[in-house]
Amino acid sequence: LSISGMHMSLVAAFLFGGIRLMLALIPPLALTLPIKKIAAMLSMLGTG
């Protein structure tokens, strides 16, 4: 019931996994950009 580690971790994990998957489905982006780090930055913004 209290927003804490489990909730923040799940939100970050879903955002990170979802953003990374969407970027990986676009070959020009997946082959030229560090999509893992981009997903991490956007996930940090969304979790914030």
All heavy atoms as atom14 arrays in JSON, in Angstrom:
{
  "sequence": "LSISGMHMSLVAAFLFGGIRLMLALIPPLALTLPIKKIAAMLSMLGTG",
  "atom14_mask": [
    [1, 1, 1, 1, 1, 1, 1, 1, 0, 0, 0, 0, 0, 0],
    [1, 1, 1, 1, 1, 1, 0, 0, 0, 0, 0, 0, 0, 0],
    [1, 1, 1, 1, 1, 1, 1, 1, 0, 0, 0, 0, 0, 0],
    [1, 1, 1, 1, 1, 1, 0, 0, 0, 0, 0, 0, 0, 0],
    [1, 1, 1, 1, 0, 0, 0, 0, 0, 0, 0, 0, 0, 0],
    [1, 1, 1, 1, 1, 1, 1, 1, 0, 0, 0, 0, 0, 0],
    [1, 1, 1, 1, 1, 1, 1, 1, 1, 1, 0, 0, 0, 0],
    [1, 1, 1, 1, 1, 1, 1, 1, 0, 0, 0, 0, 0, 0],
    [1, 1, 1, 1, 1, 1, 0, 0, 0, 0, 0, 0, 0, 0],
    [1, 1, 1, 1, 1, 1, 1, 1, 0, 0, 0, 0, 0, 0],
    [1, 1, 1, 1, 1, 1, 1, 0, 0, 0, 0, 0, 0, 0],
    [1, 1, 1, 1, 1, 0, 0, 0, 0, 0, 0, 0, 0, 0],
    [1, 1, 1, 1, 1, 0, 0, 0, 0, 0, 0, 0, 0, 0],
    [1, 1, 1, 1, 1, 1, 1, 1, 1, 1, 1, 0, 0, 0],
    [1, 1, 1, 1, 1, 1, 1, 1, 0, 0, 0, 0, 0, 0],
    [1, 1, 1, 1, 1, 1, 1, 1, 1, 1, 1, 0, 0, 0],
    [1, 1, 1, 1, 0, 0, 0, 0, 0, 0, 0, 0, 0, 0],
    [1, 1, 1, 1, 0, 0, 0, 0, 0, 0, 0, 0, 0, 0],
    [1, 1, 1, 1, 1, 1, 1, 1, 0, 0, 0, 0, 0, 0],
    [1, 1, 1, 1, 1, 1, 1, 1, 1, 1, 1, 0, 0, 0],
    [1, 1, 1, 1, 1, 1, 1, 1, 0, 0, 0, 0, 0, 0],
    [1, 1, 1, 1, 1, 1, 1, 1, 0, 0, 0, 0, 0, 0],
    [1, 1, 1, 1, 1, 1, 1, 1, 0, 0, 0, 0, 0, 0],
    [1, 1, 1, 1, 1, 0, 0, 0, 0, 0, 0, 0, 0, 0],
    [1, 1, 1, 1, 1, 1, 1, 1, 0, 0, 0, 0, 0, 0],
    [1, 1, 1, 1, 1, 1, 1, 1, 0, 0, 0, 0, 0, 0],
    [1, 1, 1, 1, 1, 1, 1, 0, 0, 0, 0, 0, 0, 0],
    [1, 1, 1, 1, 1, 1, 1, 0, 0, 0, 0, 0, 0, 0],
    [1, 1, 1, 1, 1, 1, 1, 1, 0, 0, 0, 0, 0, 0],
    [1, 1, 1, 1, 1, 0, 0, 0, 0, 0, 0, 0, 0, 0],
    [1, 1, 1, 1, 1, 1, 1, 1, 0, 0, 0, 0, 0, 0],
    [1, 1, 1, 1, 1, 1, 1, 0, 0, 0, 0, 0, 0, 0],
    [1, 1, 1, 1, 1, 1, 1, 1, 0, 0, 0, 0, 0, 0],
    [1, 1, 1, 1, 1, 1, 1, 0, 0, 0, 0, 0, 0, 0],
    [1, 1, 1, 1, 1, 1, 1, 1, 0, 0, 0, 0, 0, 0],
    [1, 1, 1, 1, 1, 1, 1, 1, 1, 0, 0, 0, 0, 0],
    [1, 1, 1, 1, 1, 1, 1, 1, 1, 0, 0, 0, 0, 0],
    [1, 1, 1, 1, 1, 1, 1, 1, 0, 0, 0, 0, 0, 0],
    [1, 1, 1, 1, 1, 0, 0, 0, 0, 0, 0, 0, 0, 0],
    [1, 1, 1, 1, 1, 0, 0, 0, 0, 0, 0, 0, 0, 0],
    [1, 1, 1, 1, 1, 1, 1, 1, 0, 0, 0, 0, 0, 0],
    [1, 1, 1, 1, 1, 1, 1, 1, 0, 0, 0, 0, 0, 0],
    [1, 1, 1, 1, 1, 1, 0, 0, 0, 0, 0, 0, 0, 0],
    [1, 1, 1, 1, 1, 1, 1, 1, 0, 0, 0, 0, 0, 0],
    [1, 1, 1, 1, 1, 1, 1, 1, 0, 0, 0, 0, 0, 0],
    [1, 1, 1, 1, 0, 0, 0, 0, 0, 0, 0, 0, 0, 0],
    [1, 1, 1, 1, 1, 1, 1, 0, 0, 0, 0, 0, 0, 0],
    [1, 1, 1, 1, 0, 0, 0, 0, 0, 0, 0, 0, 0, 0]
  ],
  "atom14_positions": [
    [[0.8, -1.22, 0.0], [0.0, 0.0, 0.0], [0.84, 1.27, 0.0], [0.34, 2.34, -0.32], [-0.92, 0.01, 1.22], [-1.89, -1.18, 1.35], [-2.7, -1.05, 2.63], [-2.8, -1.26, 0.14], [0.0, 0.0, 0.0], [0.0, 0.0, 0.0], [0.0, 0.0, 0.0], [0.0, 0.0, 0.0], [0.0, 0.0, 0.0], [0.0, 0.0, 0.0]],
    [[2.1, 1.18, 0.39], [2.97, 2.35, 0.46], [3.93, 2.34, -0.71], [4.66, 1.37, -0.91], [3.75, 2.35, 1.78], [4.67, 3.41, 1.81], [0.0, 0.0, 0.0], [0.0, 0.0, 0.0], [0.0, 0.0, 0.0], [0.0, 0.0, 0.0], [0.0, 0.0, 0.0], [0.0, 0.0, 0.0], [0.0, 0.0, 0.0], [0.0, 0.0, 0.0]],
    [[3.9, 3.42, -1.5], [4.78, 3.49, -2.66], [6.22, 3.5, -2.18], [6.64, 4.42, -1.47], [4.47, 4.74, -3.5], [3.08, 4.6, -4.12], [5.51, 4.93, -4.59], [2.65, 5.79, -4.94], [0.0, 0.0, 0.0], [0.0, 0.0, 0.0], [0.0, 0.0, 0.0], [0.0, 0.0, 0.0], [0.0, 0.0, 0.0], [0.0, 0.0, 0.0]],
    [[6.96, 2.45, -2.54], [8.32, 2.29, -2.05], [9.14, 1.59, -3.13], [8.88, 1.72, -4.32], [8.33, 1.52, -0.73], [7.65, 0.27, -0.88], [0.0, 0.0, 0.0], [0.0, 0.0, 0.0], [0.0, 0.0, 0.0], [0.0, 0.0, 0.0], [0.0, 0.0, 0.0], [0.0, 0.0, 0.0], [0.0, 0.0, 0.0], [0.0, 0.0, 0.0]],
    [[10.13, 0.81, -2.68], [11.07, 0.21, -3.62], [10.44, -0.67, -4.66], [10.82, -0.62, -5.84], [0.0, 0.0, 0.0], [0.0, 0.0, 0.0], [0.0, 0.0, 0.0], [0.0, 0.0, 0.0], [0.0, 0.0, 0.0], [0.0, 0.0, 0.0], [0.0, 0.0, 0.0], [0.0, 0.0, 0.0], [0.0, 0.0, 0.0], [0.0, 0.0, 0.0]],
    [[9.5, -1.51, -4.25], [8.88, -2.42, -5.2], [8.16, -1.66, -6.31], [8.31, -1.97, -7.5], [7.9, -3.35, -4.48], [7.21, -4.34, -5.4], [6.02, -5.37, -4.53], [4.8, -4.17, -4.05], [0.0, 0.0, 0.0], [0.0, 0.0, 0.0], [0.0, 0.0, 0.0], [0.0, 0.0, 0.0], [0.0, 0.0, 0.0], [0.0, 0.0, 0.0]],
    [[7.4, -0.65, -5.94], [6.63, 0.09, -6.93], [7.54, 0.88, -7.87], [7.37, 0.85, -9.1], [5.66, 1.04, -6.22], [4.81, 0.38, -5.18], [5.3, 0.08, -3.94], [3.53, -0.04, -5.21], [4.34, -0.5, -3.23], [3.26, -0.58, -3.97], [0.0, 0.0, 0.0], [0.0, 0.0, 0.0], [0.0, 0.0, 0.0], [0.0, 0.0, 0.0]],
    [[8.52, 1.59, -7.29], [9.44, 2.35, -8.12], [10.23, 1.44, -9.06], [10.45, 1.77, -10.24], [10.41, 3.15, -7.23], [9.77, 4.3, -6.51], [9.36, 5.66, -7.64], [8.65, 6.82, -6.49], [0.0, 0.0, 0.0], [0.0, 0.0, 0.0], [0.0, 0.0, 0.0], [0.0, 0.0, 0.0], [0.0, 0.0, 0.0], [0.0, 0.0, 0.0]],
    [[10.67, 0.3, -8.55], [11.45, -0.63, -9.37], [10.61, -1.19, -10.51], [11.1, -1.32, -11.65], [11.97, -1.78, -8.5], [12.8, -1.29, -7.47], [0.0, 0.0, 0.0], [0.0, 0.0, 0.0], [0.0, 0.0, 0.0], [0.0, 0.0, 0.0], [0.0, 0.0, 0.0], [0.0, 0.0, 0.0], [0.0, 0.0, 0.0], [0.0, 0.0, 0.0]],
    [[9.36, -1.52, -10.22], [8.5, -2.06, -11.28], [8.23, -1.01, -12.35], [8.27, -1.3, -13.55], [7.19, -2.56, -10.68], [7.28, -3.85, -9.85], [5.95, -4.14, -9.17], [7.69, -5.02, -10.74], [0.0, 0.0, 0.0], [0.0, 0.0, 0.0], [0.0, 0.0, 0.0], [0.0, 0.0, 0.0], [0.0, 0.0, 0.0], [0.0, 0.0, 0.0]],
    [[7.94, 0.22, -11.93], [7.7, 1.29, -12.91], [8.95, 1.5, -13.76], [8.88, 1.6, -15.0], [7.28, 2.59, -12.2], [7.29, 3.76, -13.17], [5.9, 2.44, -11.58], [0.0, 0.0, 0.0], [0.0, 0.0, 0.0], [0.0, 0.0, 0.0], [0.0, 0.0, 0.0], [0.0, 0.0, 0.0], [0.0, 0.0, 0.0], [0.0, 0.0, 0.0]],
    [[10.12, 1.58, -13.11], [11.36, 1.77, -13.86], [11.62, 0.6, -14.8], [12.06, 0.81, -15.95], [12.52, 1.94, -12.88], [0.0, 0.0, 0.0], [0.0, 0.0, 0.0], [0.0, 0.0, 0.0], [0.0, 0.0, 0.0], [0.0, 0.0, 0.0], [0.0, 0.0, 0.0], [0.0, 0.0, 0.0], [0.0, 0.0, 0.0], [0.0, 0.0, 0.0]],
    [[11.36, -0.62, -14.34], [11.61, -1.8, -15.17], [10.71, -1.82, -16.39], [11.16, -2.11, -17.51], [11.43, -3.07, -14.34], [0.0, 0.0, 0.0], [0.0, 0.0, 0.0], [0.0, 0.0, 0.0], [0.0, 0.0, 0.0], [0.0, 0.0, 0.0], [0.0, 0.0, 0.0], [0.0, 0.0, 0.0], [0.0, 0.0, 0.0], [0.0, 0.0, 0.0]],
    [[9.42, -1.52, -16.2], [8.49, -1.53, -17.33], [8.83, -0.42, -18.32], [8.8, -0.64, -19.55], [7.05, -1.37, -16.84], [6.5, -2.62, -16.18], [5.96, -2.57, -14.92], [6.54, -3.84, -16.84], [5.46, -3.71, -14.31], [6.05, -4.98, -16.25], [5.5, -4.92, -14.98], [0.0, 0.0, 0.0], [0.0, 0.0, 0.0], [0.0, 0.0, 0.0]],
    [[9.17, 0.76, -17.81], [9.53, 1.85, -18.71], [10.82, 1.52, -19.46], [10.92, 1.71, -20.68], [9.7, 3.15, -17.92], [8.41, 3.8, -17.39], [8.74, 4.98, -16.5], [7.51, 4.24, -18.54], [0.0, 0.0, 0.0], [0.0, 0.0, 0.0], [0.0, 0.0, 0.0], [0.0, 0.0, 0.0], [0.0, 0.0, 0.0], [0.0, 0.0, 0.0]],
    [[11.83, 1.03, -18.73], [13.11, 0.7, -19.35], [12.94, -0.39, -20.41], [13.41, -0.25, -21.55], [14.09, 0.25, -18.28], [15.43, -0.18, -18.81], [16.37, 0.75, -19.22], [15.74, -1.53, -18.92], [17.6, 0.35, -19.72], [16.97, -1.94, -19.41], [17.89, -1.0, -19.81], [0.0, 0.0, 0.0], [0.0, 0.0, 0.0], [0.0, 0.0, 0.0]],
    [[12.23, -1.46, -20.04], [12.04, -2.55, -20.99], [11.19, -2.15, -22.18], [11.51, -2.5, -23.33], [0.0, 0.0, 0.0], [0.0, 0.0, 0.0], [0.0, 0.0, 0.0], [0.0, 0.0, 0.0], [0.0, 0.0, 0.0], [0.0, 0.0, 0.0], [0.0, 0.0, 0.0], [0.0, 0.0, 0.0], [0.0, 0.0, 0.0], [0.0, 0.0, 0.0]],
    [[10.13, -1.39, -21.93], [9.26, -0.99, -23.03], [9.94, -0.03, -24.0], [9.83, -0.18, -25.22], [0.0, 0.0, 0.0], [0.0, 0.0, 0.0], [0.0, 0.0, 0.0], [0.0, 0.0, 0.0], [0.0, 0.0, 0.0], [0.0, 0.0, 0.0], [0.0, 0.0, 0.0], [0.0, 0.0, 0.0], [0.0, 0.0, 0.0], [0.0, 0.0, 0.0]],
    [[10.64, 0.97, -23.45], [11.33, 1.94, -24.32], [12.44, 1.25, -25.11], [12.6, 1.5, -26.32], [11.88, 3.09, -23.47], [10.74, 3.9, -22.85], [12.77, 4.01, -24.31], [11.18, 4.9, -21.82], [0.0, 0.0, 0.0], [0.0, 0.0, 0.0], [0.0, 0.0, 0.0], [0.0, 0.0, 0.0], [0.0, 0.0, 0.0], [0.0, 0.0, 0.0]],
    [[13.18, 0.38, -24.46], [14.27, -0.3, -25.16], [13.73, -1.21, -26.26], [14.31, -1.31, -27.35], [15.09, -1.12, -24.15], [16.39, -1.68, -24.73], [17.15, -2.45, -23.68], [18.4, -2.94, -24.2], [19.21, -3.76, -23.55], [18.88, -4.18, -22.31], [20.34, -4.18, -24.09], [0.0, 0.0, 0.0], [0.0, 0.0, 0.0], [0.0, 0.0, 0.0]],
    [[12.61, -1.88, -25.99], [12.0, -2.75, -27.01], [11.54, -1.94, -28.21], [11.77, -2.32, -29.37], [10.83, -3.52, -26.39], [10.04, -4.42, -27.34], [10.94, -5.5, -27.93], [8.84, -5.04, -26.62], [0.0, 0.0, 0.0], [0.0, 0.0, 0.0], [0.0, 0.0, 0.0], [0.0, 0.0, 0.0], [0.0, 0.0, 0.0], [0.0, 0.0, 0.0]],
    [[10.89, -0.8, -27.95], [10.41, 0.02, -29.07], [11.57, 0.55, -29.91], [11.5, 0.57, -31.14], [9.56, 1.18, -28.52], [8.19, 0.75, -28.01], [7.12, 2.16, -27.61], [7.99, 2.86, -26.24], [0.0, 0.0, 0.0], [0.0, 0.0, 0.0], [0.0, 0.0, 0.0], [0.0, 0.0, 0.0], [0.0, 0.0, 0.0], [0.0, 0.0, 0.0]],
    [[12.65, 0.97, -29.24], [13.8, 1.45, -30.0], [14.47, 0.32, -30.77], [14.98, 0.53, -31.89], [14.81, 2.11, -29.05], [14.35, 3.4, -28.36], [15.41, 3.89, -27.37], [14.05, 4.49, -29.38], [0.0, 0.0, 0.0], [0.0, 0.0, 0.0], [0.0, 0.0, 0.0], [0.0, 0.0, 0.0], [0.0, 0.0, 0.0], [0.0, 0.0, 0.0]],
    [[14.48, -0.89, -30.2], [15.1, -2.03, -30.88], [14.33, -2.44, -32.13], [14.9, -3.05, -33.05], [15.22, -3.2, -29.91], [0.0, 0.0, 0.0], [0.0, 0.0, 0.0], [0.0, 0.0, 0.0], [0.0, 0.0, 0.0], [0.0, 0.0, 0.0], [0.0, 0.0, 0.0], [0.0, 0.0, 0.0], [0.0, 0.0, 0.0], [0.0, 0.0, 0.0]],
    [[13.04, -2.13, -32.17], [12.22, -2.5, -33.33], [12.44, -1.55, -34.51], [11.88, -1.78, -35.58], [10.74, -2.51, -32.93], [10.34, -3.6, -31.93], [8.87, -3.45, -31.55], [10.59, -5.0, -32.5], [0.0, 0.0, 0.0], [0.0, 0.0, 0.0], [0.0, 0.0, 0.0], [0.0, 0.0, 0.0], [0.0, 0.0, 0.0], [0.0, 0.0, 0.0]],
    [[13.21, -0.5, -34.3], [13.52, 0.45, -35.38], [15.0, 0.28, -35.74], [15.88, 0.82, -35.05], [13.23, 1.9, -34.94], [11.79, 2.02, -34.43], [13.47, 2.87, -36.1], [11.46, 3.38, -33.85], [0.0, 0.0, 0.0], [0.0, 0.0, 0.0], [0.0, 0.0, 0.0], [0.0, 0.0, 0.0], [0.0, 0.0, 0.0], [0.0, 0.0, 0.0]],
    [[15.33, -0.5, -36.77], [16.72, -0.84, -37.07], [17.66, 0.35, -37.18], [18.77, 0.29, -36.63], [16.62, -1.61, -38.4], [15.25, -2.19, -38.38], [14.39, -1.19, -37.68], [0.0, 0.0, 0.0], [0.0, 0.0, 0.0], [0.0, 0.0, 0.0], [0.0, 0.0, 0.0], [0.0, 0.0, 0.0], [0.0, 0.0, 0.0], [0.0, 0.0, 0.0]],
    [[17.31, 1.45, -37.87], [18.26, 2.57, -37.93], [18.67, 3.1, -36.55], [19.82, 3.48, -36.34], [17.51, 3.63, -38.74], [16.53, 2.85, -39.55], [16.1, 1.73, -38.67], [0.0, 0.0, 0.0], [0.0, 0.0, 0.0], [0.0, 0.0, 0.0], [0.0, 0.0, 0.0], [0.0, 0.0, 0.0], [0.0, 0.0, 0.0], [0.0, 0.0, 0.0]],
    [[17.72, 3.12, -35.62], [18.04, 3.59, -34.27], [18.82, 2.54, -33.49], [19.79, 2.85, -32.79], [16.75, 3.94, -33.52], [15.9, 5.07, -34.11], [14.66, 5.3, -33.26], [16.71, 6.36, -34.21], [0.0, 0.0, 0.0], [0.0, 0.0, 0.0], [0.0, 0.0, 0.0], [0.0, 0.0, 0.0], [0.0, 0.0, 0.0], [0.0, 0.0, 0.0]],
    [[18.39, 1.27, -33.62], [19.05, 0.21, -32.87], [20.5, 0.03, -33.28], [21.34, -0.36, -32.46], [18.28, -1.1, -33.06], [0.0, 0.0, 0.0], [0.0, 0.0, 0.0], [0.0, 0.0, 0.0], [0.0, 0.0, 0.0], [0.0, 0.0, 0.0], [0.0, 0.0, 0.0], [0.0, 0.0, 0.0], [0.0, 0.0, 0.0], [0.0, 0.0, 0.0]],
    [[20.83, 0.29, -34.54], [22.19, 0.06, -35.04], [23.1, 1.26, -34.86], [24.33, 1.12, -34.96], [22.13, -0.33, -36.52], [21.41, -1.65, -36.85], [21.3, -1.83, -38.34], [22.15, -2.82, -36.21], [0.0, 0.0, 0.0], [0.0, 0.0, 0.0], [0.0, 0.0, 0.0], [0.0, 0.0, 0.0], [0.0, 0.0, 0.0], [0.0, 0.0, 0.0]],
    [[22.54, 2.42, -34.61], [23.38, 3.62, -34.57], [23.38, 4.32, -33.21], [24.27, 5.13, -32.95], [22.91, 4.64, -35.62], [21.52, 4.97, -35.37], [23.06, 4.06, -37.03], [0.0, 0.0, 0.0], [0.0, 0.0, 0.0], [0.0, 0.0, 0.0], [0.0, 0.0, 0.0], [0.0, 0.0, 0.0], [0.0, 0.0, 0.0], [0.0, 0.0, 0.0]],
    [[22.42, 4.04, -32.36], [22.31, 4.74, -31.09], [22.48, 3.78, -29.91], [22.13, 2.59, -30.02], [20.94, 5.44, -30.98], [20.66, 6.53, -32.0], [19.24, 7.06, -31.82], [21.66, 7.67, -31.87], [0.0, 0.0, 0.0], [0.0, 0.0, 0.0], [0.0, 0.0, 0.0], [0.0, 0.0, 0.0], [0.0, 0.0, 0.0], [0.0, 0.0, 0.0]],
    [[22.97, 4.27, -28.78], [23.05, 3.43, -27.56], [21.66, 3.33, -26.9], [21.37, 4.05, -25.93], [24.05, 4.19, -26.68], [23.92, 5.61, -27.1], [23.57, 5.59, -28.56], [0.0, 0.0, 0.0], [0.0, 0.0, 0.0], [0.0, 0.0, 0.0], [0.0, 0.0, 0.0], [0.0, 0.0, 0.0], [0.0, 0.0, 0.0], [0.0, 0.0, 0.0]],
    [[20.83, 2.47, -27.47], [19.42, 2.45, -27.04], [19.27, 2.05, -25.57], [18.31, 2.45, -24.91], [18.59, 1.52, -27.95], [19.1, 0.08, -27.88], [18.6, 2.02, -29.39], [18.2, -0.9, -28.61], [0.0, 0.0, 0.0], [0.0, 0.0, 0.0], [0.0, 0.0, 0.0], [0.0, 0.0, 0.0], [0.0, 0.0, 0.0], [0.0, 0.0, 0.0]],
    [[20.2, 1.25, -25.05], [20.11, 0.86, -23.63], [20.25, 2.08, -22.73], [19.48, 2.25, -21.78], [21.19, -0.17, -23.32], [21.15, -0.7, -21.89], [22.22, -1.75, -21.68], [22.18, -2.29, -20.25], [23.24, -3.31, -20.01], [0.0, 0.0, 0.0], [0.0, 0.0, 0.0], [0.0, 0.0, 0.0], [0.0, 0.0, 0.0], [0.0, 0.0, 0.0]],
    [[21.19, 2.95, -23.05], [21.39, 4.14, -22.23], [20.26, 5.15, -22.43], [19.85, 5.83, -21.48], [22.74, 4.78, -22.56], [23.93, 3.89, -22.19], [25.25, 4.59, -22.45], [26.41, 3.7, -22.03], [27.73, 4.34, -22.22], [0.0, 0.0, 0.0], [0.0, 0.0, 0.0], [0.0, 0.0, 0.0], [0.0, 0.0, 0.0], [0.0, 0.0, 0.0]],
    [[19.76, 5.24, -23.66], [18.61, 6.12, -23.9], [17.41, 5.65, -23.1], [16.7, 6.45, -22.47], [18.29, 6.17, -25.4], [19.42, 6.86, -26.16], [16.97, 6.89, -25.64], [19.25, 6.83, -27.67], [0.0, 0.0, 0.0], [0.0, 0.0, 0.0], [0.0, 0.0, 0.0], [0.0, 0.0, 0.0], [0.0, 0.0, 0.0], [0.0, 0.0, 0.0]],
    [[17.2, 4.33, -23.09], [16.08, 3.77, -22.31], [16.27, 4.05, -20.83], [15.3, 4.34, -20.11], [15.97, 2.27, -22.57], [0.0, 0.0, 0.0], [0.0, 0.0, 0.0], [0.0, 0.0, 0.0], [0.0, 0.0, 0.0], [0.0, 0.0, 0.0], [0.0, 0.0, 0.0], [0.0, 0.0, 0.0], [0.0, 0.0, 0.0], [0.0, 0.0, 0.0]],
    [[17.52, 3.97, -20.35], [17.77, 4.24, -18.94], [17.47, 5.69, -18.6], [16.86, 5.99, -17.56], [19.23, 3.9, -18.61], [0.0, 0.0, 0.0], [0.0, 0.0, 0.0], [0.0, 0.0, 0.0], [0.0, 0.0, 0.0], [0.0, 0.0, 0.0], [0.0, 0.0, 0.0], [0.0, 0.0, 0.0], [0.0, 0.0, 0.0], [0.0, 0.0, 0.0]],
    [[17.88, 6.63, -19.46], [17.62, 8.04, -19.19], [16.13, 8.36, -19.2], [15.62, 9.05, -18.32], [18.35, 8.91, -20.22], [19.86, 8.97, -20.01], [20.67, 10.2, -21.07], [20.45, 9.44, -22.68], [0.0, 0.0, 0.0], [0.0, 0.0, 0.0], [0.0, 0.0, 0.0], [0.0, 0.0, 0.0], [0.0, 0.0, 0.0], [0.0, 0.0, 0.0]],
    [[15.42, 7.85, -20.21], [13.98, 8.1, -20.28], [13.25, 7.41, -19.14], [12.26, 7.94, -18.61], [13.44, 7.64, -21.63], [13.96, 8.42, -22.85], [13.39, 7.82, -24.14], [13.58, 9.89, -22.74], [0.0, 0.0, 0.0], [0.0, 0.0, 0.0], [0.0, 0.0, 0.0], [0.0, 0.0, 0.0], [0.0, 0.0, 0.0], [0.0, 0.0, 0.0]],
    [[13.73, 6.23, -18.76], [13.11, 5.53, -17.62], [13.31, 6.32, -16.34], [12.39, 6.41, -15.5], [13.72, 4.13, -17.49], [13.23, 3.48, -16.34], [0.0, 0.0, 0.0], [0.0, 0.0, 0.0], [0.0, 0.0, 0.0], [0.0, 0.0, 0.0], [0.0, 0.0, 0.0], [0.0, 0.0, 0.0], [0.0, 0.0, 0.0], [0.0, 0.0, 0.0]],
    [[14.5, 6.93, -16.16], [14.73, 7.75, -14.98], [13.8, 8.95, -14.96], [13.25, 9.32, -13.91], [16.19, 8.2, -14.95], [16.6, 8.88, -13.65], [18.31, 9.49, -13.66], [19.22, 7.97, -13.95], [0.0, 0.0, 0.0], [0.0, 0.0, 0.0], [0.0, 0.0, 0.0], [0.0, 0.0, 0.0], [0.0, 0.0, 0.0], [0.0, 0.0, 0.0]],
    [[13.58, 9.56, -16.12], [12.67, 10.7, -16.21], [11.25, 10.28, -15.88], [10.54, 10.96, -15.12], [12.74, 11.31, -17.61], [11.84, 12.52, -17.88], [12.22, 13.68, -16.96], [11.93, 12.94, -19.34], [0.0, 0.0, 0.0], [0.0, 0.0, 0.0], [0.0, 0.0, 0.0], [0.0, 0.0, 0.0], [0.0, 0.0, 0.0], [0.0, 0.0, 0.0]],
    [[10.81, 9.15, -16.44], [9.44, 8.67, -16.17], [9.25, 8.28, -14.72], [8.21, 8.58, -14.11], [0.0, 0.0, 0.0], [0.0, 0.0, 0.0], [0.0, 0.0, 0.0], [0.0, 0.0, 0.0], [0.0, 0.0, 0.0], [0.0, 0.0, 0.0], [0.0, 0.0, 0.0], [0.0, 0.0, 0.0], [0.0, 0.0, 0.0], [0.0, 0.0, 0.0]],
    [[10.25, 7.6, -14.14], [10.13, 7.22, -12.73], [10.14, 8.44, -11.83], [9.43, 8.49, -10.82], [11.29, 6.27, -12.35], [11.37, 5.2, -13.29], [11.07, 5.69, -10.97], [0.0, 0.0, 0.0], [0.0, 0.0, 0.0], [0.0, 0.0, 0.0], [0.0, 0.0, 0.0], [0.0, 0.0, 0.0], [0.0, 0.0, 0.0], [0.0, 0.0, 0.0]],
    [[10.91, 9.46, -12.2], [10.9, 10.7, -11.44], [9.54, 11.38, -11.48], [9.07, 11.93, -10.48], [0.0, 0.0, 0.0], [0.0, 0.0, 0.0], [0.0, 0.0, 0.0], [0.0, 0.0, 0.0], [0.0, 0.0, 0.0], [0.0, 0.0, 0.0], [0.0, 0.0, 0.0], [0.0, 0.0, 0.0], [0.0, 0.0, 0.0], [0.0, 0.0, 0.0]]
  ]
}
